[in-house]
Amino acid sequence: MYRPLTFSAMVRFGLIVLIILGFAGYVLWQSRLLLGGPTLELLKEPPYQNTTPTVTVEGIARNIVEITINDLPILTDEQGYFTQDVVLTPGYTIVSIEAKDRYGRTARLERPFLYTPDNTTNLNTTTYGNKKDSKENNQSSSTEN
């Protein structure tokens, strides 16, 4: 014998279906973090050309267990924020940032920099010459007194 569904049975069935769909949606939404892999984002792009020997790299890394800059491990805070000063060699330098998640997937950013030392700031303000010229200049100035 077939019994027709009552209104309360249909409501109960509808609520159960909604709860199951809601739970499945929540699980899928949260799994996007696991399925997406690691992400790297620089907060401020450092300038390409520099006259100082260091550049500050700062950004956010998400879904990671390890992060390196030029193969040297660095630390992040709880939100994934990192900041690191990188020493540049004179000329062209590539800074490589790499992050790995717990499944071995990687995210990588590379930024080129051109370091041209500003030689005018490193010069001594004294006049350079041979010692003989300096002694003659000192003697002539002392005899004039």
C-alpha atoms as a PDB file:
ATOM      1  CA  MET A   1       0.000   0.000   0.000  1.00  0.00           C
ATOM      2  CA  TYR A   2       1.109   3.408  -0.919  1.00  0.00           C
ATOM      3  CA  ARG A   3       0.698   6.259   1.560  1.00  0.00           C
ATOM      4  CA  PRO A   4       0.700   9.822   0.214  1.00  0.00           C
ATOM      5  CA  LEU A   5       3.306  12.196   1.697  1.00  0.00           C
ATOM      6  CA  THR A   6       2.027  14.597   4.247  1.00  0.00           C
ATOM      7  CA  PHE A   7       3.035  18.230   4.397  1.00  0.00           C
ATOM      8  CA  SER A   8       5.147  17.703   7.530  1.00  0.00           C
ATOM      9  CA  ALA A   9       7.028  14.813   5.888  1.00  0.00           C
ATOM     10  CA  MET A  10       7.827  16.989   2.843  1.00  0.00           C
ATOM     11  CA  VAL A  11       9.071  19.821   5.073  1.00  0.00           C
ATOM     12  CA  ARG A  12      11.228  17.396   7.047  1.00  0.00           C
ATOM     13  CA  PHE A  13      12.665  15.943   3.822  1.00  0.00           C
ATOM     14  CA  GLY A  14      13.337  19.467   2.451  1.00  0.00           C
ATOM     15  CA  LEU A  15      15.166  20.501   5.628  1.00  0.00           C
ATOM     16  CA  ILE A  16      17.332  17.395   5.548  1.00  0.00           C
ATOM     17  CA  VAL A  17      18.235  18.057   1.905  1.00  0.00           C
ATOM     18  CA  LEU A  18      19.062  21.722   2.696  1.00  0.00           C
ATOM     19  CA  ILE A  19      21.290  20.710   5.621  1.00  0.00           C
ATOM     20  CA  ILE A  20      23.140  18.156   3.486  1.00  0.00           C
ATOM     21  CA  LEU A  21      23.602  20.654   0.631  1.00  0.00           C
ATOM     22  CA  GLY A  22      24.759  23.340   3.065  1.00  0.00           C
ATOM     23  CA  PHE A  23      27.304  21.011   4.634  1.00  0.00           C
ATOM     24  CA  ALA A  24      28.578  19.904   1.202  1.00  0.00           C
ATOM     25  CA  GLY A  25      28.876  23.538   0.104  1.00  0.00           C
ATOM     26  CA  TYR A  26      30.805  24.432   3.239  1.00  0.00           C
ATOM     27  CA  VAL A  27      33.226  21.525   2.735  1.00  0.00           C
ATOM     28  CA  LEU A  28      33.811  22.502  -0.895  1.00  0.00           C
ATOM     29  CA  TRP A  29      34.324  26.166   0.067  1.00  0.00           C
ATOM     30  CA  GLN A  30      36.912  25.284   2.700  1.00  0.00           C
ATOM     31  CA  SER A  31      38.679  22.790   0.450  1.00  0.00           C
ATOM     32  CA  ARG A  32      39.480  25.561  -2.031  1.00  0.00           C
ATOM     33  CA  LEU A  33      42.411  26.439   0.237  1.00  0.00           C
ATOM     34  CA  LEU A  34      43.801  22.921  -0.027  1.00  0.00           C
ATOM     35  CA  LEU A  35      43.056  22.510  -3.717  1.00  0.00           C
ATOM     36  CA  GLY A  36      44.424  25.917  -4.720  1.00  0.00           C
ATOM     37  CA  GLY A  37      47.986  25.403  -3.543  1.00  0.00           C
ATOM     38  CA  PRO A  38      50.349  28.056  -2.191  1.00  0.00           C
ATOM     39  CA  THR A  39      50.069  31.706  -3.208  1.00  0.00           C
ATOM     40  CA  LEU A  40      52.590  34.541  -3.084  1.00  0.00           C
ATOM     41  CA  GLU A  41      51.819  38.232  -3.335  1.00  0.00           C
ATOM     42  CA  LEU A  42      54.203  41.172  -3.049  1.00  0.00           C
ATOM     43  CA  LEU A  43      52.674  44.085  -1.168  1.00  0.00           C
ATOM     44  CA  LYS A  44      54.997  46.713  -2.625  1.00  0.00           C
ATOM     45  CA  GLU A  45      57.034  46.241  -5.805  1.00  0.00           C
ATOM     46  CA  PRO A  46      60.612  47.331  -5.121  1.00  0.00           C
ATOM     47  CA  PRO A  47      62.146  49.529  -7.853  1.00  0.00           C
ATOM     48  CA  TYR A  48      64.080  47.777 -10.613  1.00  0.00           C
ATOM     49  CA  GLN A  49      67.086  50.113 -10.510  1.00  0.00           C
ATOM     50  CA  ASN A  50      68.748  50.764  -7.143  1.00  0.00           C
ATOM     51  CA  THR A  51      71.699  52.798  -5.909  1.00  0.00           C
ATOM     52  CA  THR A  52      71.635  51.160  -2.464  1.00  0.00           C
ATOM     53  CA  PRO A  53      73.030  47.653  -1.916  1.00  0.00           C
ATOM     54  CA  THR A  54      69.861  46.303  -0.260  1.00  0.00           C
ATOM     55  CA  VAL A  55      66.237  46.018  -1.260  1.00  0.00           C
ATOM     56  CA  THR A  56      63.320  45.168   1.033  1.00  0.00           C
ATOM     57  CA  VAL A  57      60.979  42.441  -0.169  1.00  0.00           C
ATOM     58  CA  GLU A  58      57.642  42.267   1.629  1.00  0.00           C
ATOM     59  CA  GLY A  59      54.508  40.328   0.909  1.00  0.00           C
ATOM     60  CA  ILE A  60      51.960  37.742   1.940  1.00  0.00           C
ATOM     61  CA  ALA A  61      52.213  33.974   1.507  1.00  0.00           C
ATOM     62  CA  ARG A  62      49.143  31.774   1.937  1.00  0.00           C
ATOM     63  CA  ASN A  63      48.754  27.995   2.338  1.00  0.00           C
ATOM     64  CA  ILE A  64      52.465  27.384   2.842  1.00  0.00           C
ATOM     65  CA  VAL A  65      54.703  25.354   5.108  1.00  0.00           C
ATOM     66  CA  GLU A  66      58.008  26.742   3.819  1.00  0.00           C
ATOM     67  CA  ILE A  67      59.149  29.944   2.124  1.00  0.00           C
ATOM     68  CA  THR A  68      62.608  30.882   0.841  1.00  0.00           C
ATOM     69  CA  ILE A  69      64.221  33.909  -0.734  1.00  0.00           C
ATOM     70  CA  ASN A  70      67.208  32.970  -2.895  1.00  0.00           C
ATOM     71  CA  ASP A  71      67.115  29.494  -1.290  1.00  0.00           C
ATOM     72  CA  LEU A  72      67.427  30.911   2.252  1.00  0.00           C
ATOM     73  CA  PRO A  73      64.467  30.152   4.549  1.00  0.00           C
ATOM     74  CA  ILE A  74      62.565  33.097   6.007  1.00  0.00           C
ATOM     75  CA  LEU A  75      59.790  33.390   8.583  1.00  0.00           C
ATOM     76  CA  THR A  76      56.216  34.623   8.278  1.00  0.00           C
ATOM     77  CA  ASP A  77      53.766  35.736  10.930  1.00  0.00           C
ATOM     78  CA  GLU A  78      50.402  34.047  11.603  1.00  0.00           C
ATOM     79  CA  GLN A  79      48.739  35.855   8.695  1.00  0.00           C
ATOM     80  CA  GLY A  80      51.540  34.911   6.267  1.00  0.00           C
ATOM     81  CA  TYR A  81      53.155  38.366   6.163  1.00  0.00           C
ATOM     82  CA  PHE A  82      56.891  38.391   5.465  1.00  0.00           C
ATOM     83  CA  THR A  83      59.555  41.061   5.065  1.00  0.00           C
ATOM     84  CA  GLN A  84      63.202  40.517   4.247  1.00  0.00           C
ATOM     85  CA  ASP A  85      66.150  42.694   3.254  1.00  0.00           C
ATOM     86  CA  VAL A  86      68.063  41.234   0.316  1.00  0.00           C
ATOM     87  CA  VAL A  87      71.652  42.223  -0.462  1.00  0.00           C
ATOM     88  CA  LEU A  88      72.242  43.049  -4.112  1.00  0.00           C
ATOM     89  CA  THR A  89      75.508  42.529  -5.948  1.00  0.00           C
ATOM     90  CA  PRO A  90      76.677  45.280  -8.298  1.00  0.00           C
ATOM     91  CA  GLY A  91      75.049  44.781 -11.665  1.00  0.00           C
ATOM     92  CA  TYR A  92      72.083  42.552 -12.473  1.00  0.00           C
ATOM     93  CA  THR A  93      70.556  40.406  -9.694  1.00  0.00           C
ATOM     94  CA  ILE A  94      67.501  38.137  -9.718  1.00  0.00           C
ATOM     95  CA  VAL A  95      65.663  37.683  -6.412  1.00  0.00           C
ATOM     96  CA  SER A  96      63.702  34.426  -6.291  1.00  0.00           C
ATOM     97  CA  ILE A  97      60.892  33.862  -3.770  1.00  0.00           C
ATOM     98  CA  GLU A  98      59.577  30.312  -3.519  1.00  0.00           C
ATOM     99  CA  ALA A  99      56.840  28.869  -1.288  1.00  0.00           C
ATOM    100  CA  LYS A 100      55.819  25.234  -0.814  1.00  0.00           C
ATOM    101  CA  ASP A 101      52.667  23.726   0.635  1.00  0.00           C
ATOM    102  CA  ARG A 102      52.374  20.469   2.555  1.00  0.00           C
ATOM    103  CA  TYR A 103      51.740  18.532  -0.659  1.00  0.00           C
ATOM    104  CA  GLY A 104      54.953  19.717  -2.306  1.00  0.00           C
ATOM    105  CA  ARG A 105      53.303  22.177  -4.693  1.00  0.00           C
ATOM    106  CA  THR A 106      55.245  25.385  -5.221  1.00  0.00           C
ATOM    107  CA  ALA A 107      54.588  29.009  -6.067  1.00  0.00           C
ATOM    108  CA  ARG A 108      57.469  31.124  -7.326  1.00  0.00           C
ATOM    109  CA  LEU A 109      58.082  34.825  -7.940  1.00  0.00           C
ATOM    110  CA  GLU A 110      61.209  36.252  -9.526  1.00  0.00           C
ATOM    111  CA  ARG A 111      62.120  39.907  -9.635  1.00  0.00           C
ATOM    112  CA  PRO A 112      65.148  41.374 -11.426  1.00  0.00           C
ATOM    113  CA  PHE A 113      67.142  44.255  -9.950  1.00  0.00           C
ATOM    114  CA  LEU A 114      69.903  46.429 -11.316  1.00  0.00           C
ATOM    115  CA  TYR A 115      72.253  47.731  -8.643  1.00  0.00           C
ATOM    116  CA  THR A 116      74.444  50.611  -9.746  1.00  0.00           C
ATOM    117  CA  PRO A 117      76.498  51.914  -6.829  1.00  0.00           C
ATOM    118  CA  ASP A 118      76.468  55.680  -6.461  1.00  0.00           C
ATOM    119  CA  ASN A 119      80.229  56.363  -6.388  1.00  0.00           C
ATOM    120  CA  THR A 120      79.879  60.032  -5.448  1.00  0.00           C
ATOM    121  CA  THR A 121      78.744  59.159  -1.931  1.00  0.00           C
ATOM    122  CA  ASN A 122      81.818  56.984  -1.298  1.00  0.00           C
ATOM    123  CA  LEU A 123      84.510  59.462  -2.348  1.00  0.00           C
ATOM    124  CA  ASN A 124      86.645  61.056   0.295  1.00  0.00           C
ATOM    125  CA  THR A 125      86.506  64.842   0.107  1.00  0.00           C
ATOM    126  CA  THR A 126      90.281  65.267   0.521  1.00  0.00           C
ATOM    127  CA  THR A 127      92.392  65.988  -2.541  1.00  0.00           C
ATOM    128  CA  TYR A 128      94.395  63.037  -3.762  1.00  0.00           C
ATOM    129  CA  GLY A 129      97.920  63.466  -5.116  1.00  0.00           C
ATOM    130  CA  ASN A 130     101.380  62.132  -4.557  1.00  0.00           C
ATOM    131  CA  LYS A 131     103.053  62.743  -1.223  1.00  0.00           C
ATOM    132  CA  LYS A 132     105.641  65.072  -2.683  1.00  0.00           C
ATOM    133  CA  ASP A 133     102.954  67.458  -3.938  1.00  0.00           C
ATOM    134  CA  SER A 134     101.204  67.382  -0.599  1.00  0.00           C
ATOM    135  CA  LYS A 135     104.422  68.178   1.296  1.00  0.00           C
ATOM    136  CA  GLU A 136     105.225  71.035  -1.050  1.00  0.00           C
ATOM    137  CA  ASN A 137     101.717  72.443  -0.623  1.00  0.00           C
ATOM    138  CA  ASN A 138     102.005  72.186   3.162  1.00  0.00           C
ATOM    139  CA  GLN A 139     105.478  73.830   3.196  1.00  0.00           C
ATOM    140  CA  SER A 140     104.421  76.651   0.937  1.00  0.00           C
ATOM    141  CA  SER A 141     101.382  77.359   3.071  1.00  0.00           C
ATOM    142  CA  SER A 142     103.488  77.314   6.273  1.00  0.00           C
ATOM    143  CA  THR A 143     106.137  79.691   4.864  1.00  0.00           C
ATOM    144  CA  GLU A 144     103.472  82.123   3.824  1.00  0.00           C
ATOM    145  CA  ASN A 145     102.333  82.429   7.453  1.00  0.00           C
END
